[in-house]
Amino acid sequence: MRSSPIVAIAWLLCWLAPAPALAQQLYCNPCNHGFGQVLTGSSSSYTFTLSNSGKSTLRISSESEVGGEFTFSHLALPMRLKPGASLQLTATFSPTTRGWFTGTLTLNSNDPHSPLYVHVHGAGVSSSTAQLTANPSSLNFGNVAVGSSATLQTTLAASGAAVTITSDGSTSSEFAIVGLNLPVTIQAGKNLAVTVQFSPNASGTASGSVGFTSNAVNSPTVVQVTGTGVATKQHSVNLSWNSGSGSAVGYNIYRGTAQSGPFAEINTALDASTNYTDSTVVSGTTYYYVTTEVNAQGQESGYSNEVKAVIPTP
């Protein structure tokens, strides 16, 4: 008895239908994932587990993907997957505009039911409700010595929706945002502490602003910064002495940090005068000085009387 055309067509469609994922040797469960709503300019990731559920080694030969808003971690193909073994595959949804998006990764292998399809979908939504605020919105570093640096913190808070900070900057080379690895996403209702550094390169008041560019409606978020560079005091010790009774052609100057020594020579060449300025002293230190005279034969006298110099603390 011949089957009716309708039955024959139904049988043909059934025969042509792809095997369900559960019947495949290269197996994933689930083989699809919905990312839900993701803000434009930010991203969300999900990891699939792919397994070899068969009794023979699988050879995954190639892959292809469609859906520009989605990316998949690439496999080192061709690759072999032993029975019972599994691997991780990460899908990332990064919508650049609003709308509904779908994506598919196709994996070709020696599975009789190859290829395997991994499906993803999600919606890109506007970030118009996201806001990023800084507290405090201004930082005053006070007095900072030129050549050194000081740091203060401000806290960035996201509200309305998650905020992704993509870049930061400063209007002055003396102020910098340190330790912030971008891009970074702050979920709605959460906050992030950020460190700002002031490194004055000259004396006087410095001011500027640091800013954070994001997908927030109020981007960029700006923090006003100010500080005063203070020049460090440079101390020196001026020494003078009377020539001895010998025929000196020059003098050596010695310095120590303890009374009666030990002493170390601080002049780089024989000093022909009877005065010397030591500009290498350190604030808050006490020094002791002696001199010797040297004649034309290179003979050096003993130490002179000792003088003491106390260097003030800045």
C-alpha atoms as a PDB file:
ATOM      1  CA  MET A   1       0.000   0.000   0.000  1.00  0.00           C
ATOM      2  CA  ARG A   2       1.414   3.369  -0.978  1.00  0.00           C
ATOM      3  CA  SER A   3       1.602   6.096   1.665  1.00  0.00           C
ATOM      4  CA  SER A   4      -0.221   9.326   1.056  1.00  0.00           C
ATOM      5  CA  PRO A   5       1.841  12.343  -0.149  1.00  0.00           C
ATOM      6  CA  ILE A   6       1.277  14.107   3.195  1.00  0.00           C
ATOM      7  CA  VAL A   7       2.683  11.165   5.151  1.00  0.00           C
ATOM      8  CA  ALA A   8       5.610  10.891   2.755  1.00  0.00           C
ATOM      9  CA  ILE A   9       6.477  14.565   3.151  1.00  0.00           C
ATOM     10  CA  ALA A  10       6.252  14.311   6.938  1.00  0.00           C
ATOM     11  CA  TRP A  11       8.546  11.278   6.871  1.00  0.00           C
ATOM     12  CA  LEU A  12      11.025  13.123   4.647  1.00  0.00           C
ATOM     13  CA  LEU A  13      11.088  16.175   6.939  1.00  0.00           C
ATOM     14  CA  CYS A  14      11.703  13.945   9.932  1.00  0.00           C
ATOM     15  CA  TRP A  15      14.553  12.225   8.133  1.00  0.00           C
ATOM     16  CA  LEU A  16      16.152  15.550   7.173  1.00  0.00           C
ATOM     17  CA  ALA A  17      15.858  17.129  10.640  1.00  0.00           C
ATOM     18  CA  PRO A  18      19.160  17.471  12.504  1.00  0.00           C
ATOM     19  CA  ALA A  19      19.768  15.194  15.425  1.00  0.00           C
ATOM     20  CA  PRO A  20      19.075  16.732  18.831  1.00  0.00           C
ATOM     21  CA  ALA A  21      22.123  17.923  20.761  1.00  0.00           C
ATOM     22  CA  LEU A  22      21.686  15.137  23.313  1.00  0.00           C
ATOM     23  CA  ALA A  23      22.256  12.543  20.564  1.00  0.00           C
ATOM     24  CA  GLN A  24      25.574  14.014  19.510  1.00  0.00           C
ATOM     25  CA  GLN A  25      28.939  12.716  20.648  1.00  0.00           C
ATOM     26  CA  LEU A  26      30.214  16.301  20.921  1.00  0.00           C
ATOM     27  CA  TYR A  27      27.826  17.340  23.639  1.00  0.00           C
ATOM     28  CA  CYS A  28      26.831  20.521  25.461  1.00  0.00           C
ATOM     29  CA  ASN A  29      23.932  21.085  27.798  1.00  0.00           C
ATOM     30  CA  PRO A  30      22.666  23.696  27.387  1.00  0.00           C
ATOM     31  CA  CYS A  31      23.761  24.556  23.875  1.00  0.00           C
ATOM     32  CA  ASN A  32      22.194  27.981  24.047  1.00  0.00           C
ATOM     33  CA  HIS A  33      22.349  30.922  26.425  1.00  0.00           C
ATOM     34  CA  GLY A  34      20.397  34.136  26.808  1.00  0.00           C
ATOM     35  CA  PHE A  35      22.337  37.123  28.128  1.00  0.00           C
ATOM     36  CA  GLY A  36      19.234  39.154  28.840  1.00  0.00           C
ATOM     37  CA  GLN A  37      19.687  42.917  28.757  1.00  0.00           C
ATOM     38  CA  VAL A  38      23.252  44.269  28.560  1.00  0.00           C
ATOM     39  CA  LEU A  39      24.124  47.960  28.444  1.00  0.00           C
ATOM     40  CA  THR A  40      25.578  49.258  25.212  1.00  0.00           C
ATOM     41  CA  GLY A  41      29.288  49.849  25.621  1.00  0.00           C
ATOM     42  CA  SER A  42      29.642  47.110  28.251  1.00  0.00           C
ATOM     43  CA  SER A  43      29.873  43.324  28.022  1.00  0.00           C
ATOM     44  CA  SER A  44      28.782  40.081  29.653  1.00  0.00           C
ATOM     45  CA  SER A  45      30.309  36.583  29.387  1.00  0.00           C
ATOM     46  CA  TYR A  46      29.098  33.006  29.786  1.00  0.00           C
ATOM     47  CA  THR A  47      31.096  29.765  29.675  1.00  0.00           C
ATOM     48  CA  PHE A  48      29.801  26.615  27.967  1.00  0.00           C
ATOM     49  CA  THR A  49      31.184  23.157  28.732  1.00  0.00           C
ATOM     50  CA  LEU A  50      31.644  20.908  25.719  1.00  0.00           C
ATOM     51  CA  SER A  51      32.113  17.174  26.337  1.00  0.00           C
ATOM     52  CA  ASN A  52      32.858  14.011  24.397  1.00  0.00           C
ATOM     53  CA  SER A  53      30.018  11.711  25.474  1.00  0.00           C
ATOM     54  CA  GLY A  54      31.026   8.929  23.074  1.00  0.00           C
ATOM     55  CA  LYS A  55      33.456   6.028  23.259  1.00  0.00           C
ATOM     56  CA  SER A  56      35.919   7.217  20.620  1.00  0.00           C
ATOM     57  CA  THR A  57      38.194  10.227  20.302  1.00  0.00           C
ATOM     58  CA  LEU A  58      36.656  13.252  18.629  1.00  0.00           C
ATOM     59  CA  ARG A  59      38.569  15.428  16.199  1.00  0.00           C
ATOM     60  CA  ILE A  60      37.216  18.984  16.084  1.00  0.00           C
ATOM     61  CA  SER A  61      38.435  20.308  12.755  1.00  0.00           C
ATOM     62  CA  SER A  62      36.998  23.818  12.306  1.00  0.00           C
ATOM     63  CA  GLU A  63      34.725  26.476  13.714  1.00  0.00           C
ATOM     64  CA  SER A  64      32.813  29.469  12.413  1.00  0.00           C
ATOM     65  CA  GLU A  65      30.683  32.101  14.072  1.00  0.00           C
ATOM     66  CA  VAL A  66      28.027  34.607  13.074  1.00  0.00           C
ATOM     67  CA  GLY A  67      26.686  37.533  15.054  1.00  0.00           C
ATOM     68  CA  GLY A  68      29.019  40.524  15.277  1.00  0.00           C
ATOM     69  CA  GLU A  69      27.932  41.511  18.789  1.00  0.00           C
ATOM     70  CA  PHE A  70      29.100  38.118  20.110  1.00  0.00           C
ATOM     71  CA  THR A  71      32.586  36.656  20.306  1.00  0.00           C
ATOM     72  CA  PHE A  72      33.662  33.156  21.254  1.00  0.00           C
ATOM     73  CA  SER A  73      36.960  32.023  22.713  1.00  0.00           C
ATOM     74  CA  HIS A  74      38.804  30.275  19.934  1.00  0.00           C
ATOM     75  CA  LEU A  75      39.947  26.679  20.131  1.00  0.00           C
ATOM     76  CA  ALA A  76      43.408  25.533  19.032  1.00  0.00           C
ATOM     77  CA  LEU A  77      42.173  23.668  15.991  1.00  0.00           C
ATOM     78  CA  PRO A  78      42.374  21.017  14.865  1.00  0.00           C
ATOM     79  CA  MET A  79      42.158  19.394  18.287  1.00  0.00           C
ATOM     80  CA  ARG A  80      41.296  15.987  19.720  1.00  0.00           C
ATOM     81  CA  LEU A  81      38.914  15.336  22.587  1.00  0.00           C
ATOM     82  CA  LYS A  82      39.172  11.961  24.293  1.00  0.00           C
ATOM     83  CA  PRO A  83      36.066  10.093  25.506  1.00  0.00           C
ATOM     84  CA  GLY A  84      34.750  11.642  28.703  1.00  0.00           C
ATOM     85  CA  ALA A  85      36.957  14.720  28.318  1.00  0.00           C
ATOM     86  CA  SER A  86      35.555  18.254  28.223  1.00  0.00           C
ATOM     87  CA  LEU A  87      36.630  21.787  27.376  1.00  0.00           C
ATOM     88  CA  GLN A  88      35.495  25.314  28.210  1.00  0.00           C
ATOM     89  CA  LEU A  89      34.152  27.726  25.620  1.00  0.00           C
ATOM     90  CA  THR A  90      33.394  31.316  26.596  1.00  0.00           C
ATOM     91  CA  ALA A  91      30.900  33.520  24.765  1.00  0.00           C
ATOM     92  CA  THR A  92      30.927  37.306  25.264  1.00  0.00           C
ATOM     93  CA  PHE A  93      28.104  39.682  24.386  1.00  0.00           C
ATOM     94  CA  SER A  94      29.256  43.284  23.763  1.00  0.00           C
ATOM     95  CA  PRO A  95      26.397  45.289  22.270  1.00  0.00           C
ATOM     96  CA  THR A  96      27.391  48.541  20.604  1.00  0.00           C
ATOM     97  CA  THR A  97      23.836  49.649  19.826  1.00  0.00           C
ATOM     98  CA  ARG A  98      20.359  49.009  21.176  1.00  0.00           C
ATOM     99  CA  GLY A  99      18.431  46.038  19.819  1.00  0.00           C
ATOM    100  CA  TRP A 100      17.976  42.261  19.876  1.00  0.00           C
ATOM    101  CA  PHE A 101      20.929  40.178  18.707  1.00  0.00           C
ATOM    102  CA  THR A 102      21.587  36.513  18.056  1.00  0.00           C
ATOM    103  CA  GLY A 103      24.768  34.593  17.395  1.00  0.00           C
ATOM    104  CA  THR A 104      25.807  31.072  16.517  1.00  0.00           C
ATOM    105  CA  LEU A 105      29.045  29.146  16.802  1.00  0.00           C
ATOM    106  CA  THR A 106      29.362  26.145  14.486  1.00  0.00           C
ATOM    107  CA  LEU A 107      31.805  23.362  15.387  1.00  0.00           C
ATOM    108  CA  ASN A 108      32.705  20.768  12.758  1.00  0.00           C
ATOM    109  CA  SER A 109      34.070  17.394  13.864  1.00  0.00           C
ATOM    110  CA  ASN A 110      34.082  13.695  13.006  1.00  0.00           C
ATOM    111  CA  ASP A 111      30.923  13.259  15.083  1.00  0.00           C
ATOM    112  CA  PRO A 112      28.376  11.486  12.821  1.00  0.00           C
ATOM    113  CA  HIS A 113      25.913  14.221  13.730  1.00  0.00           C
ATOM    114  CA  SER A 114      28.347  17.099  13.085  1.00  0.00           C
ATOM    115  CA  PRO A 115      28.170  20.054  13.093  1.00  0.00           C
ATOM    116  CA  LEU A 116      27.302  21.155  16.638  1.00  0.00           C
ATOM    117  CA  TYR A 117      25.602  24.527  16.993  1.00  0.00           C
ATOM    118  CA  VAL A 118      25.993  26.780  20.036  1.00  0.00           C
ATOM    119  CA  HIS A 119      23.367  29.537  20.104  1.00  0.00           C
ATOM    120  CA  VAL A 120      23.420  32.832  22.030  1.00  0.00           C
ATOM    121  CA  HIS A 121      21.099  35.808  22.158  1.00  0.00           C
ATOM    122  CA  GLY A 122      20.679  39.039  24.088  1.00  0.00           C
ATOM    123  CA  ALA A 123      19.411  42.579  24.017  1.00  0.00           C
ATOM    124  CA  GLY A 124      21.493  45.741  23.927  1.00  0.00           C
ATOM    125  CA  VAL A 125      19.818  48.426  26.012  1.00  0.00           C
ATOM    126  CA  SER A 126      20.423  52.134  26.329  1.00  0.00           C
ATOM    127  CA  SER A 127      22.566  53.376  29.175  1.00  0.00           C
ATOM    128  CA  SER A 128      20.638  56.644  29.431  1.00  0.00           C
ATOM    129  CA  THR A 129      19.627  55.835  33.015  1.00  0.00           C
ATOM    130  CA  ALA A 130      23.179  55.105  34.168  1.00  0.00           C
ATOM    131  CA  GLN A 131      24.981  57.775  36.166  1.00  0.00           C
ATOM    132  CA  LEU A 132      28.483  57.936  37.622  1.00  0.00           C
ATOM    133  CA  THR A 133      29.237  60.253  40.527  1.00  0.00           C
ATOM    134  CA  ALA A 134      32.429  60.990  42.462  1.00  0.00           C
ATOM    135  CA  ASN A 135      32.569  61.613  46.211  1.00  0.00           C
ATOM    136  CA  PRO A 136      34.318  63.829  47.045  1.00  0.00           C
ATOM    137  CA  SER A 137      34.122  65.716  43.788  1.00  0.00           C
ATOM    138  CA  SER A 138      37.155  67.848  44.680  1.00  0.00           C
ATOM    139  CA  LEU A 139      40.505  66.981  46.250  1.00  0.00           C
ATOM    140  CA  ASN A 140      42.908  69.376  47.988  1.00  0.00           C
ATOM    141  CA  PHE A 141      46.376  67.938  48.577  1.00  0.00           C
ATOM    142  CA  GLY A 142      47.660  70.868  50.626  1.00  0.00           C
ATOM    143  CA  ASN A 143      51.425  71.428  50.728  1.00  0.00           C
ATOM    144  CA  VAL A 144      53.588  68.791  49.043  1.00  0.00           C
ATOM    145  CA  ALA A 145      57.369  69.045  48.669  1.00  0.00           C
ATOM    146  CA  VAL A 146      58.602  69.502  45.108  1.00  0.00           C
ATOM    147  CA  GLY A 147      60.063  66.239  43.863  1.00  0.00           C
ATOM    148  CA  SER A 148      57.845  64.091  46.093  1.00  0.00           C
ATOM    149  CA  SER A 149      54.196  63.021  45.793  1.00  0.00           C
ATOM    150  CA  ALA A 150      51.014  62.580  47.811  1.00  0.00           C
ATOM    151  CA  THR A 151      47.817  60.601  47.177  1.00  0.00           C
ATOM    152  CA  LEU A 152      44.126  61.033  48.000  1.00  0.00           C
ATOM    153  CA  GLN A 153      41.087  58.922  47.133  1.00  0.00           C
ATOM    154  CA  THR A 154      37.707  59.597  45.617  1.00  0.00           C
ATOM    155  CA  THR A 155      34.889  57.059  45.368  1.00  0.00           C
ATOM    156  CA  LEU A 156      33.053  56.486  42.096  1.00  0.00           C
ATOM    157  CA  ALA A 157      29.453  55.262  42.450  1.00  0.00           C
ATOM    158  CA  ALA A 158      27.117  53.892  39.743  1.00  0.00           C
ATOM    159  CA  SER A 159      23.368  54.409  39.886  1.00  0.00           C
ATOM    160  CA  GLY A 160      20.444  53.627  37.587  1.00  0.00           C
ATOM    161  CA  ALA A 161      22.363  50.940  35.702  1.00  0.00           C
ATOM    162  CA  ALA A 162      25.823  49.457  35.477  1.00  0.00           C
ATOM    163  CA  VAL A 163      28.526  51.874  34.324  1.00  0.00           C
ATOM    164  CA  THR A 164      31.596  50.883  32.323  1.00  0.00           C
ATOM    165  CA  ILE A 165      34.555  53.273  32.533  1.00  0.00           C
ATOM    166  CA  THR A 166      36.574  53.070  29.332  1.00  0.00           C
ATOM    167  CA  SER A 167      39.197  55.801  29.800  1.00  0.00           C
ATOM    168  CA  ASP A 168      40.497  58.384  32.251  1.00  0.00           C
ATOM    169  CA  GLY A 169      42.668  61.465  32.035  1.00  0.00           C
ATOM    170  CA  SER A 170      44.063  64.565  33.696  1.00  0.00           C
ATOM    171  CA  THR A 171      44.337  68.178  32.558  1.00  0.00           C
ATOM    172  CA  SER A 172      47.689  68.584  34.357  1.00  0.00           C
ATOM    173  CA  SER A 173      50.845  66.468  34.305  1.00  0.00           C
ATOM    174  CA  GLU A 174      51.188  67.071  38.065  1.00  0.00           C
ATOM    175  CA  PHE A 175      47.997  65.103  38.804  1.00  0.00           C
ATOM    176  CA  ALA A 176      47.463  61.478  37.798  1.00  0.00           C
ATOM    177  CA  ILE A 177      45.005  58.615  38.371  1.00  0.00           C
ATOM    178  CA  VAL A 178      46.995  55.602  39.587  1.00  0.00           C
ATOM    179  CA  GLY A 179      46.188  51.904  39.845  1.00  0.00           C
ATOM    180  CA  LEU A 180      42.964  51.952  37.800  1.00  0.00           C
ATOM    181  CA  ASN A 181      42.897  49.139  35.221  1.00  0.00           C
ATOM    182  CA  LEU A 182      40.498  49.922  32.390  1.00  0.00           C
ATOM    183  CA  PRO A 183      37.955  49.095  31.202  1.00  0.00           C
ATOM    184  CA  VAL A 184      36.148  48.470  34.484  1.00  0.00           C
ATOM    185  CA  THR A 185      32.427  48.017  35.146  1.00  0.00           C
ATOM    186  CA  ILE A 186      30.703  49.240  38.298  1.00  0.00           C
ATOM    187  CA  GLN A 187      27.335  47.609  38.886  1.00  0.00           C
ATOM    188  CA  ALA A 188      24.362  49.800  39.847  1.00  0.00           C
ATOM    189  CA  GLY A 189      24.427  50.528  43.576  1.00  0.00           C
ATOM    190  CA  LYS A 190      28.126  49.651  43.854  1.00  0.00           C
ATOM    191  CA  ASN A 191      31.177  51.885  44.111  1.00  0.00           C
ATOM    192  CA  LEU A 192      34.893  51.889  43.399  1.00  0.00           C
ATOM    193  CA  ALA A 193      37.682  53.726  45.246  1.00  0.00           C
ATOM    194  CA  VAL A 194      40.123  55.512  42.935  1.00  0.00           C
ATOM    195  CA  THR A 195      43.507  56.961  43.895  1.00  0.00           C
ATOM    196  CA  VAL A 196      44.712  60.336  42.584  1.00  0.00           C
ATOM    197  CA  GLN A 197      48.369  61.380  42.938  1.00  0.00           C
ATOM    198  CA  PHE A 198      49.846  64.891  43.132  1.00  0.00           C
ATOM    199  CA  SER A 199      53.516  65.235  42.140  1.00  0.00           C
ATOM    200  CA  PRO A 200      54.457  68.942  42.053  1.00  0.00           C
ATOM    201  CA  ASN A 201      57.334  69.807  39.746  1.00  0.00           C
ATOM    202  CA  ALA A 202      57.591  73.447  40.854  1.00  0.00           C
ATOM    203  CA  SER A 203      56.743  75.570  43.861  1.00  0.00           C
ATOM    204  CA  GLY A 204      53.370  77.298  43.911  1.00  0.00           C
ATOM    205  CA  THR A 205      49.705  76.385  43.605  1.00  0.00           C
ATOM    206  CA  ALA A 206      48.693  73.823  40.991  1.00  0.00           C
ATOM    207  CA  SER A 207      45.149  72.989  39.951  1.00  0.00           C
ATOM    208  CA  GLY A 208      43.331  70.968  37.345  1.00  0.00           C
ATOM    209  CA  SER A 209      40.842  68.167  36.984  1.00  0.00           C
ATOM    210  CA  VAL A 210      40.815  64.425  36.477  1.00  0.00           C
ATOM    211  CA  GLY A 211      37.990  62.792  34.557  1.00  0.00           C
ATOM    212  CA  PHE A 212      36.446  59.407  33.803  1.00  0.00           C
ATOM    213  CA  THR A 213      34.824  58.613  30.450  1.00  0.00           C
ATOM    214  CA  SER A 214      32.047  56.008  30.591  1.00  0.00           C
ATOM    215  CA  ASN A 215      28.687  54.986  29.183  1.00  0.00           C
ATOM    216  CA  ALA A 216      26.946  57.053  31.878  1.00  0.00           C
ATOM    217  CA  VAL A 217      24.609  59.806  30.776  1.00  0.00           C
ATOM    218  CA  ASN A 218      26.708  62.380  32.687  1.00  0.00           C
ATOM    219  CA  SER A 219      30.030  61.255  31.197  1.00  0.00           C
ATOM    220  CA  PRO A 220      32.710  62.427  31.688  1.00  0.00           C
ATOM    221  CA  THR A 221      32.650  62.450  35.486  1.00  0.00           C
ATOM    222  CA  VAL A 222      35.089  65.130  36.671  1.00  0.00           C
ATOM    223  CA  VAL A 223      36.963  65.630  39.957  1.00  0.00           C
ATOM    224  CA  GLN A 224      38.579  69.008  40.623  1.00  0.00           C
ATOM    225  CA  VAL A 225      42.097  68.797  42.094  1.00  0.00           C
ATOM    226  CA  THR A 226      44.428  71.335  43.670  1.00  0.00           C
ATOM    227  CA  GLY A 227      47.638  71.379  45.670  1.00  0.00           C
ATOM    228  CA  THR A 228      50.638  73.522  46.484  1.00  0.00           C
ATOM    229  CA  GLY A 229      54.199  72.616  45.607  1.00  0.00           C
ATOM    230  CA  VAL A 230      56.657  73.632  48.312  1.00  0.00           C
ATOM    231  CA  ALA A 231      60.353  73.948  47.499  1.00  0.00           C
ATOM    232  CA  THR A 232      62.569  72.002  49.869  1.00  0.00           C
ATOM    233  CA  LYS A 233      65.200  74.062  51.679  1.00  0.00           C
ATOM    234  CA  GLN A 234      68.755  73.483  50.483  1.00  0.00           C
ATOM    235  CA  HIS A 235      71.270  73.806  53.315  1.00  0.00           C
ATOM    236  CA  SER A 236      75.024  74.206  53.064  1.00  0.00           C
ATOM    237  CA  VAL A 237      77.940  74.682  55.418  1.00  0.00           C
ATOM    238  CA  ASN A 238      80.510  77.436  54.766  1.00  0.00           C
ATOM    239  CA  LEU A 239      83.964  76.679  56.166  1.00  0.00           C
ATOM    240  CA  SER A 240      87.006  78.965  56.462  1.00  0.00           C
ATOM    241  CA  TRP A 241      90.374  78.598  58.179  1.00  0.00           C
ATOM    242  CA  ASN A 242      93.790  80.200  58.559  1.00  0.00           C
ATOM    243  CA  SER A 243      96.794  78.828  56.731  1.00  0.00           C
ATOM    244  CA  GLY A 244      99.369  77.022  58.814  1.00  0.00           C
ATOM    245  CA  SER A 245     103.025  77.864  59.219  1.00  0.00           C
ATOM    246  CA  GLY A 246     104.077  75.490  56.428  1.00  0.00           C
ATOM    247  CA  SER A 247     104.268  76.245  52.733  1.00  0.00           C
ATOM    248  CA  ALA A 248     100.862  74.840  51.778  1.00  0.00           C
ATOM    249  CA  VAL A 249      99.873  74.524  48.133  1.00  0.00           C
ATOM    250  CA  GLY A 250      96.396  73.359  49.001  1.00  0.00           C
ATOM    251  CA  TYR A 251      94.021  71.891  51.552  1.00  0.00           C
ATOM    252  CA  ASN A 252      91.878  68.816  52.062  1.00  0.00           C
ATOM    253  CA  ILE A 253      88.540  68.982  53.872  1.00  0.00           C
ATOM    254  CA  TYR A 254      87.245  66.058  55.939  1.00  0.00           C
ATOM    255  CA  ARG A 255      83.800  65.430  57.392  1.00  0.00           C
ATOM    256  CA  GLY A 256      82.294  63.000  59.873  1.00  0.00           C
ATOM    257  CA  THR A 257      79.052  62.534  61.801  1.00  0.00           C
ATOM    258  CA  ALA A 258      80.665  61.770  65.152  1.00  0.00           C
ATOM    259  CA  GLN A 259      82.907  63.909  67.308  1.00  0.00           C
ATOM    260  CA  SER A 260      86.590  63.027  66.800  1.00  0.00           C
ATOM    261  CA  GLY A 261      85.750  61.055  63.664  1.00  0.00           C
ATOM    262  CA  PRO A 262      86.095  58.935  61.754  1.00  0.00           C
ATOM    263  CA  PHE A 263      86.385  61.504  58.948  1.00  0.00           C
ATOM    264  CA  ALA A 264      86.099  61.160  55.166  1.00  0.00           C
ATOM    265  CA  GLU A 265      87.566  63.521  52.564  1.00  0.00           C
ATOM    266  CA  ILE A 266      84.808  65.465  50.780  1.00  0.00           C
ATOM    267  CA  ASN A 267      86.752  67.654  48.325  1.00  0.00           C
ATOM    268  CA  THR A 268      87.322  66.078  44.917  1.00  0.00           C
ATOM    269  CA  ALA A 269      90.525  68.055  44.239  1.00  0.00           C
ATOM    270  CA  LEU A 270      93.065  69.877  46.387  1.00  0.00           C
ATOM    271  CA  ASP A 271      91.522  73.181  47.492  1.00  0.00           C
ATOM    272  CA  ALA A 272      93.871  76.110  46.982  1.00  0.00           C
ATOM    273  CA  SER A 273      91.884  78.616  49.055  1.00  0.00           C
ATOM    274  CA  THR A 274      91.208  78.776  52.765  1.00  0.00           C
ATOM    275  CA  ASN A 275      87.440  78.419  52.480  1.00  0.00           C
ATOM    276  CA  TYR A 276      85.061  75.699  51.308  1.00  0.00           C
ATOM    277  CA  THR A 277      81.280  75.288  50.939  1.00  0.00           C
ATOM    278  CA  ASP A 278      79.765  71.878  51.633  1.00  0.00           C
ATOM    279  CA  SER A 279      76.461  71.655  49.698  1.00  0.00           C
ATOM    280  CA  THR A 280      75.898  67.926  50.202  1.00  0.00           C
ATOM    281  CA  VAL A 281      74.578  68.083  53.754  1.00  0.00           C
ATOM    282  CA  VAL A 282      71.317  66.422  54.804  1.00  0.00           C
ATOM    283  CA  SER A 283      68.658  68.155  56.892  1.00  0.00           C
ATOM    284  CA  GLY A 284      68.531  67.154  60.556  1.00  0.00           C
ATOM    285  CA  THR A 285      72.126  65.863  60.610  1.00  0.00           C
ATOM    286  CA  THR A 286      75.092  67.016  62.737  1.00  0.00           C
ATOM    287  CA  TYR A 287      78.514  67.139  61.072  1.00  0.00           C
ATOM    288  CA  TYR A 288      82.095  67.585  62.302  1.00  0.00           C
ATOM    289  CA  TYR A 289      84.792  69.068  60.047  1.00  0.00           C
ATOM    290  CA  VAL A 290      88.610  69.154  60.035  1.00  0.00           C
ATOM    291  CA  THR A 291      91.131  70.274  57.421  1.00  0.00           C
ATOM    292  CA  THR A 292      94.707  69.402  56.494  1.00  0.00           C
ATOM    293  CA  GLU A 293      97.296  71.250  54.445  1.00  0.00           C
ATOM    294  CA  VAL A 294      99.415  69.727  51.708  1.00  0.00           C
ATOM    295  CA  ASN A 295     102.868  71.059  50.639  1.00  0.00           C
ATOM    296  CA  ALA A 296     104.554  70.947  47.260  1.00  0.00           C
ATOM    297  CA  GLN A 297     106.052  67.548  48.044  1.00  0.00           C
ATOM    298  CA  GLY A 298     102.586  66.096  48.618  1.00  0.00           C
ATOM    299  CA  GLN A 299     103.081  65.806  52.329  1.00  0.00           C
ATOM    300  CA  GLU A 300      99.892  66.227  54.343  1.00  0.00           C
ATOM    301  CA  SER A 301      99.664  67.687  57.827  1.00  0.00           C
ATOM    302  CA  GLY A 302      97.600  66.341  60.677  1.00  0.00           C
ATOM    303  CA  TYR A 303      94.005  67.360  61.290  1.00  0.00           C
ATOM    304  CA  SER A 304      93.178  70.913  62.257  1.00  0.00           C
ATOM    305  CA  ASN A 305      90.940  71.722  65.170  1.00  0.00           C
ATOM    306  CA  GLU A 306      87.406  70.345  64.789  1.00  0.00           C
ATOM    307  CA  VAL A 307      84.291  72.430  64.079  1.00  0.00           C
ATOM    308  CA  LYS A 308      80.664  71.336  64.457  1.00  0.00           C
ATOM    309  CA  ALA A 309      77.703  72.163  62.177  1.00  0.00           C
ATOM    310  CA  VAL A 310      74.084  71.286  62.954  1.00  0.00           C
ATOM    311  CA  ILE A 311      71.823  71.170  59.873  1.00  0.00           C
ATOM    312  CA  PRO A 312      68.231  72.283  60.613  1.00  0.00           C
ATOM    313  CA  THR A 313      65.232  70.066  59.949  1.00  0.00           C
ATOM    314  CA  PRO A 314      62.945  71.453  57.211  1.00  0.00           C
END
